[in-house]
Amino acid sequence: MTISLVVVEHPPAVLQSLLDRLSIEKDLQIVGETSYASVAVDLTLLHQPDVVLLDAEMPNGDMPAMVQALTTCGPTSAVVILTIEPAGPHPASPAVTVVGKHHGIRALLTAIREAGTRKRAD
């Protein structure tokens, strides 16, 4: 099973590093990428990915509004938020998973795979 993924991360250098690492995973297919919150909704609408990986610290990003917009335009897409803050369940939506950047790549990959699998089962 391949999980389609839109990656939203800032700054661009961090986005590129993340893309380089995620692209070696055989079960992940990156269908869109951006460093701009305003483009994330368009990419989600266009590609309807299984998972949107979203940087919680996007500049000029209103996180609650962004999550609402992503889950509205991509109703079959799960959202995984990557944050420097302590991770935990997202209070607004069961379709949202929060992962701390300090948890490392294994935790992130597990969250992406679980979110992608969970959304397909719904």
N, C-alpha and C. Protein backbone atom coordinates (compact mmCIF):
# COMPACT_ATOMS: atom_id res chain seq x y z
N MET A 1 0.84 -1.18 0.00
CA MET A 1 0.00 0.00 0.00
C MET A 1 0.89 1.24 0.00
N THR A 2 0.65 2.14 -0.93
CA THR A 2 1.38 3.39 -1.00
C THR A 2 0.55 4.50 -0.39
N ILE A 3 1.17 5.32 0.43
CA ILE A 3 0.50 6.45 1.07
C ILE A 3 0.93 7.72 0.35
N SER A 4 -0.04 8.44 -0.20
CA SER A 4 0.26 9.70 -0.87
C SER A 4 0.37 10.81 0.17
N LEU A 5 1.27 11.75 -0.10
CA LEU A 5 1.66 12.71 0.92
C LEU A 5 1.90 14.09 0.32
N VAL A 6 1.29 15.12 0.96
CA VAL A 6 1.64 16.51 0.68
C VAL A 6 2.45 16.98 1.88
N VAL A 7 3.62 17.58 1.61
CA VAL A 7 4.51 18.03 2.68
C VAL A 7 4.54 19.55 2.70
N VAL A 8 4.22 20.11 3.87
CA VAL A 8 4.19 21.57 4.07
C VAL A 8 5.17 21.88 5.20
N GLU A 9 6.31 22.46 4.85
CA GLU A 9 7.37 22.70 5.84
C GLU A 9 8.11 23.99 5.50
N HIS A 10 8.49 24.72 6.55
CA HIS A 10 9.25 25.95 6.38
C HIS A 10 10.40 25.91 7.36
N PRO A 11 11.55 26.34 6.98
CA PRO A 11 11.99 27.00 5.76
C PRO A 11 12.27 26.00 4.63
N PRO A 12 12.48 26.51 3.42
CA PRO A 12 12.70 25.63 2.27
C PRO A 12 13.84 24.63 2.44
N ALA A 13 14.90 24.99 3.12
CA ALA A 13 16.02 24.06 3.33
C ALA A 13 15.58 22.86 4.18
N VAL A 14 14.75 23.12 5.18
CA VAL A 14 14.23 22.03 6.01
C VAL A 14 13.26 21.18 5.20
N LEU A 15 12.45 21.83 4.37
CA LEU A 15 11.55 21.10 3.48
C LEU A 15 12.36 20.14 2.61
N GLN A 16 13.42 20.62 1.99
CA GLN A 16 14.22 19.78 1.11
C GLN A 16 14.83 18.60 1.85
N SER A 17 15.33 18.84 3.05
CA SER A 17 15.89 17.74 3.85
C SER A 17 14.83 16.70 4.18
N LEU A 18 13.66 17.16 4.54
CA LEU A 18 12.56 16.26 4.86
C LEU A 18 12.15 15.46 3.62
N LEU A 19 12.05 16.13 2.49
CA LEU A 19 11.70 15.44 1.24
C LEU A 19 12.74 14.39 0.88
N ASP A 20 14.02 14.74 1.04
CA ASP A 20 15.08 13.78 0.74
C ASP A 20 14.93 12.52 1.59
N ARG A 21 14.61 12.71 2.87
CA ARG A 21 14.48 11.55 3.76
C ARG A 21 13.21 10.75 3.48
N LEU A 22 12.09 11.44 3.29
CA LEU A 22 10.83 10.74 3.04
C LEU A 22 10.83 10.01 1.70
N SER A 23 11.54 10.55 0.73
CA SER A 23 11.52 9.96 -0.62
C SER A 23 12.17 8.59 -0.69
N ILE A 24 12.96 8.21 0.30
CA ILE A 24 13.56 6.88 0.26
C ILE A 24 12.64 5.79 0.81
N GLU A 25 11.51 6.21 1.36
CA GLU A 25 10.54 5.24 1.89
C GLU A 25 9.68 4.73 0.73
N LYS A 26 9.73 3.44 0.48
CA LYS A 26 9.07 2.85 -0.68
C LYS A 26 7.54 2.94 -0.63
N ASP A 27 6.99 3.04 0.57
CA ASP A 27 5.53 3.07 0.70
C ASP A 27 4.96 4.49 0.76
N LEU A 28 5.81 5.50 0.60
CA LEU A 28 5.35 6.89 0.61
C LEU A 28 5.55 7.51 -0.77
N GLN A 29 4.53 8.20 -1.25
CA GLN A 29 4.62 8.90 -2.52
C GLN A 29 4.32 10.37 -2.28
N ILE A 30 5.31 11.22 -2.47
CA ILE A 30 5.14 12.65 -2.29
C ILE A 30 4.48 13.21 -3.54
N VAL A 31 3.25 13.73 -3.37
CA VAL A 31 2.50 14.25 -4.52
C VAL A 31 2.47 15.76 -4.56
N GLY A 32 2.93 16.40 -3.48
CA GLY A 32 2.97 17.85 -3.43
C GLY A 32 3.87 18.32 -2.31
N GLU A 33 4.45 19.50 -2.50
CA GLU A 33 5.34 20.06 -1.49
C GLU A 33 5.30 21.57 -1.57
N THR A 34 5.43 22.21 -0.42
CA THR A 34 5.45 23.67 -0.38
C THR A 34 6.04 24.16 0.94
N SER A 35 6.56 25.37 0.88
CA SER A 35 7.00 26.07 2.10
C SER A 35 6.02 27.17 2.48
N TYR A 36 4.87 27.20 1.81
CA TYR A 36 3.90 28.27 2.03
C TYR A 36 2.55 27.70 2.45
N ALA A 37 2.07 28.17 3.58
CA ALA A 37 0.77 27.71 4.08
C ALA A 37 -0.34 27.97 3.07
N SER A 38 -0.25 29.08 2.37
CA SER A 38 -1.31 29.43 1.42
C SER A 38 -1.40 28.44 0.25
N VAL A 39 -0.32 27.76 -0.06
CA VAL A 39 -0.31 26.80 -1.17
C VAL A 39 -0.79 25.42 -0.71
N ALA A 40 -0.69 25.14 0.57
CA ALA A 40 -1.03 23.82 1.10
C ALA A 40 -2.47 23.41 0.78
N VAL A 41 -3.39 24.34 0.91
CA VAL A 41 -4.80 24.03 0.64
C VAL A 41 -4.98 23.69 -0.83
N ASP A 42 -4.35 24.47 -1.72
CA ASP A 42 -4.46 24.20 -3.15
C ASP A 42 -3.91 22.82 -3.50
N LEU A 43 -2.77 22.46 -2.93
CA LEU A 43 -2.18 21.15 -3.19
C LEU A 43 -3.07 20.02 -2.67
N THR A 44 -3.66 20.24 -1.51
CA THR A 44 -4.54 19.22 -0.93
C THR A 44 -5.79 19.05 -1.78
N LEU A 45 -6.35 20.15 -2.22
CA LEU A 45 -7.53 20.10 -3.09
C LEU A 45 -7.21 19.39 -4.40
N LEU A 46 -6.07 19.69 -4.97
CA LEU A 46 -5.66 19.11 -6.25
C LEU A 46 -5.36 17.61 -6.15
N HIS A 47 -4.60 17.22 -5.12
CA HIS A 47 -4.10 15.85 -5.05
C HIS A 47 -4.91 14.91 -4.15
N GLN A 48 -5.69 15.46 -3.22
CA GLN A 48 -6.44 14.64 -2.26
C GLN A 48 -5.55 13.54 -1.67
N PRO A 49 -4.46 13.94 -1.03
CA PRO A 49 -3.51 12.94 -0.51
C PRO A 49 -4.08 12.17 0.67
N ASP A 50 -3.47 11.05 0.95
CA ASP A 50 -3.85 10.30 2.15
C ASP A 50 -3.47 11.08 3.41
N VAL A 51 -2.31 11.76 3.35
CA VAL A 51 -1.79 12.48 4.51
C VAL A 51 -1.23 13.82 4.07
N VAL A 52 -1.51 14.86 4.87
CA VAL A 52 -0.84 16.16 4.75
C VAL A 52 0.07 16.29 5.96
N LEU A 53 1.38 16.42 5.69
CA LEU A 53 2.35 16.64 6.76
C LEU A 53 2.56 18.14 6.87
N LEU A 54 2.21 18.71 8.02
CA LEU A 54 2.14 20.16 8.19
C LEU A 54 3.05 20.63 9.32
N ASP A 55 3.92 21.58 9.01
CA ASP A 55 4.78 22.21 10.01
C ASP A 55 3.92 23.13 10.87
N ALA A 56 3.93 22.91 12.17
CA ALA A 56 3.12 23.73 13.08
C ALA A 56 3.62 25.16 13.19
N GLU A 57 4.88 25.37 12.86
CA GLU A 57 5.47 26.69 13.02
C GLU A 57 5.59 27.44 11.69
N MET A 58 4.60 27.30 10.82
CA MET A 58 4.61 28.00 9.53
C MET A 58 4.46 29.50 9.77
N PRO A 59 5.28 30.32 9.10
CA PRO A 59 5.12 31.77 9.26
C PRO A 59 3.78 32.21 8.67
N ASN A 60 3.17 33.17 9.31
CA ASN A 60 1.88 33.70 8.87
C ASN A 60 0.81 32.62 8.79
N GLY A 61 0.97 31.57 9.56
CA GLY A 61 0.00 30.48 9.54
C GLY A 61 -0.87 30.49 10.78
N ASP A 62 -2.16 30.49 10.59
CA ASP A 62 -3.13 30.35 11.67
C ASP A 62 -3.45 28.87 11.74
N MET A 63 -2.79 28.15 12.67
CA MET A 63 -2.86 26.69 12.68
C MET A 63 -4.29 26.15 12.77
N PRO A 64 -5.15 26.61 13.67
CA PRO A 64 -6.51 26.06 13.70
C PRO A 64 -7.25 26.29 12.38
N ALA A 65 -7.11 27.46 11.80
CA ALA A 65 -7.77 27.73 10.52
C ALA A 65 -7.18 26.88 9.40
N MET A 66 -5.87 26.66 9.45
CA MET A 66 -5.21 25.85 8.44
C MET A 66 -5.68 24.40 8.51
N VAL A 67 -5.76 23.86 9.71
CA VAL A 67 -6.23 22.48 9.87
C VAL A 67 -7.67 22.36 9.39
N GLN A 68 -8.50 23.33 9.73
CA GLN A 68 -9.89 23.33 9.28
C GLN A 68 -9.97 23.36 7.76
N ALA A 69 -9.19 24.23 7.13
CA ALA A 69 -9.20 24.33 5.67
C ALA A 69 -8.72 23.03 5.03
N LEU A 70 -7.68 22.42 5.57
CA LEU A 70 -7.15 21.18 5.01
C LEU A 70 -8.14 20.03 5.13
N THR A 71 -8.78 19.92 6.28
CA THR A 71 -9.74 18.82 6.46
C THR A 71 -11.03 19.06 5.70
N THR A 72 -11.32 20.31 5.36
CA THR A 72 -12.50 20.62 4.55
C THR A 72 -12.23 20.33 3.07
N CYS A 73 -11.10 20.80 2.56
CA CYS A 73 -10.82 20.62 1.13
C CYS A 73 -10.30 19.23 0.84
N GLY A 74 -9.79 18.55 1.83
CA GLY A 74 -9.31 17.18 1.67
C GLY A 74 -9.97 16.28 2.68
N PRO A 75 -11.28 16.02 2.52
CA PRO A 75 -11.99 15.26 3.55
C PRO A 75 -11.48 13.83 3.73
N THR A 76 -10.77 13.31 2.76
CA THR A 76 -10.20 11.97 2.90
C THR A 76 -8.74 12.02 3.34
N SER A 77 -8.23 13.22 3.59
CA SER A 77 -6.83 13.39 3.99
C SER A 77 -6.70 13.50 5.51
N ALA A 78 -5.75 12.75 6.06
CA ALA A 78 -5.39 12.91 7.47
C ALA A 78 -4.33 14.00 7.54
N VAL A 79 -4.25 14.68 8.67
CA VAL A 79 -3.25 15.72 8.86
C VAL A 79 -2.32 15.28 9.99
N VAL A 80 -1.02 15.31 9.69
CA VAL A 80 0.00 15.05 10.70
C VAL A 80 0.74 16.37 10.89
N ILE A 81 0.69 16.89 12.11
CA ILE A 81 1.35 18.15 12.43
C ILE A 81 2.70 17.84 13.07
N LEU A 82 3.74 18.46 12.51
CA LEU A 82 5.09 18.31 13.03
C LEU A 82 5.43 19.57 13.81
N THR A 83 5.77 19.42 15.09
CA THR A 83 5.93 20.59 15.95
C THR A 83 7.15 20.48 16.86
N ILE A 84 7.66 21.63 17.27
CA ILE A 84 8.73 21.62 18.27
C ILE A 84 8.15 21.54 19.68
N GLU A 85 6.85 21.74 19.80
CA GLU A 85 6.16 21.65 21.09
C GLU A 85 5.95 20.17 21.45
N PRO A 86 5.66 19.89 22.71
CA PRO A 86 5.35 18.50 23.07
C PRO A 86 4.17 17.99 22.26
N ALA A 87 4.29 16.77 21.79
CA ALA A 87 3.25 16.19 20.94
C ALA A 87 2.17 15.52 21.79
N GLY A 88 1.04 15.34 21.18
CA GLY A 88 -0.07 14.67 21.83
C GLY A 88 -1.26 14.71 20.92
N PRO A 89 -2.40 14.23 21.36
CA PRO A 89 -3.59 14.25 20.51
C PRO A 89 -4.02 15.68 20.22
N HIS A 90 -4.56 15.89 19.05
CA HIS A 90 -5.05 17.21 18.67
C HIS A 90 -6.47 17.34 19.19
N PRO A 91 -6.76 18.38 19.95
CA PRO A 91 -8.08 18.49 20.57
C PRO A 91 -9.22 18.75 19.58
N ALA A 92 -8.91 19.28 18.40
CA ALA A 92 -9.97 19.70 17.49
C ALA A 92 -10.48 18.59 16.59
N SER A 93 -9.66 17.60 16.31
CA SER A 93 -10.07 16.62 15.31
C SER A 93 -9.34 15.30 15.49
N PRO A 94 -10.08 14.20 15.42
CA PRO A 94 -9.42 12.89 15.46
C PRO A 94 -8.65 12.60 14.18
N ALA A 95 -8.87 13.39 13.13
CA ALA A 95 -8.15 13.21 11.87
C ALA A 95 -6.77 13.83 11.93
N VAL A 96 -6.41 14.43 13.06
CA VAL A 96 -5.14 15.13 13.19
C VAL A 96 -4.25 14.41 14.20
N THR A 97 -3.01 14.17 13.81
CA THR A 97 -2.01 13.59 14.69
C THR A 97 -0.91 14.62 14.88
N VAL A 98 -0.39 14.74 16.08
CA VAL A 98 0.69 15.69 16.37
C VAL A 98 1.94 14.90 16.75
N VAL A 99 3.06 15.25 16.09
CA VAL A 99 4.34 14.58 16.36
C VAL A 99 5.38 15.65 16.69
N GLY A 100 6.11 15.44 17.76
CA GLY A 100 7.18 16.36 18.13
C GLY A 100 8.41 16.13 17.26
N LYS A 101 9.02 17.21 16.80
CA LYS A 101 10.23 17.09 15.98
C LYS A 101 11.34 16.38 16.75
N HIS A 102 11.34 16.52 18.05
CA HIS A 102 12.37 15.89 18.88
C HIS A 102 12.22 14.37 18.96
N HIS A 103 11.09 13.84 18.51
CA HIS A 103 10.88 12.40 18.55
C HIS A 103 11.60 11.65 17.44
N GLY A 104 12.03 12.36 16.41
CA GLY A 104 12.84 11.74 15.36
C GLY A 104 12.04 11.16 14.21
N ILE A 105 12.78 10.67 13.23
CA ILE A 105 12.18 10.22 11.97
C ILE A 105 11.34 8.97 12.15
N ARG A 106 11.71 8.07 13.02
CA ARG A 106 10.91 6.84 13.19
C ARG A 106 9.51 7.17 13.69
N ALA A 107 9.42 8.08 14.66
CA ALA A 107 8.11 8.47 15.18
C ALA A 107 7.29 9.16 14.10
N LEU A 108 7.95 9.99 13.29
CA LEU A 108 7.25 10.67 12.21
C LEU A 108 6.73 9.67 11.18
N LEU A 109 7.57 8.74 10.77
CA LEU A 109 7.15 7.73 9.79
C LEU A 109 6.00 6.87 10.33
N THR A 110 6.07 6.51 11.60
CA THR A 110 4.98 5.74 12.21
C THR A 110 3.69 6.54 12.19
N ALA A 111 3.77 7.82 12.53
CA ALA A 111 2.56 8.67 12.54
C ALA A 111 1.98 8.80 11.14
N ILE A 112 2.82 9.00 10.13
CA ILE A 112 2.34 9.11 8.75
C ILE A 112 1.66 7.82 8.33
N ARG A 113 2.29 6.70 8.59
CA ARG A 113 1.73 5.40 8.18
C ARG A 113 0.42 5.10 8.92
N GLU A 114 0.39 5.36 10.21
CA GLU A 114 -0.84 5.12 10.97
C GLU A 114 -1.97 6.04 10.51
N ALA A 115 -1.66 7.30 10.26
CA ALA A 115 -2.68 8.24 9.81
C ALA A 115 -3.20 7.86 8.43
N GLY A 116 -2.30 7.48 7.53
CA GLY A 116 -2.72 7.06 6.19
C GLY A 116 -3.56 5.81 6.21
N THR A 117 -3.20 4.87 7.03
CA THR A 117 -3.95 3.62 7.15
C THR A 117 -5.31 3.87 7.79
N ARG A 118 -5.33 4.70 8.84
CA ARG A 118 -6.58 5.00 9.55
C ARG A 118 -7.59 5.69 8.64
N LYS A 119 -7.12 6.64 7.83
CA LYS A 119 -8.04 7.35 6.93
C LYS A 119 -8.61 6.43 5.87
N ARG A 120 -7.82 5.47 5.40
CA ARG A 120 -8.33 4.53 4.41
C ARG A 120 -9.37 3.60 4.99
N ALA A 121 -9.24 3.30 6.27
CA ALA A 121 -10.19 2.40 6.94
C ALA A 121 -11.52 3.09 7.24
N ASP A 122 -11.51 4.42 7.31
CA ASP A 122 -12.75 5.17 7.65
C ASP A 122 -13.79 5.07 6.55
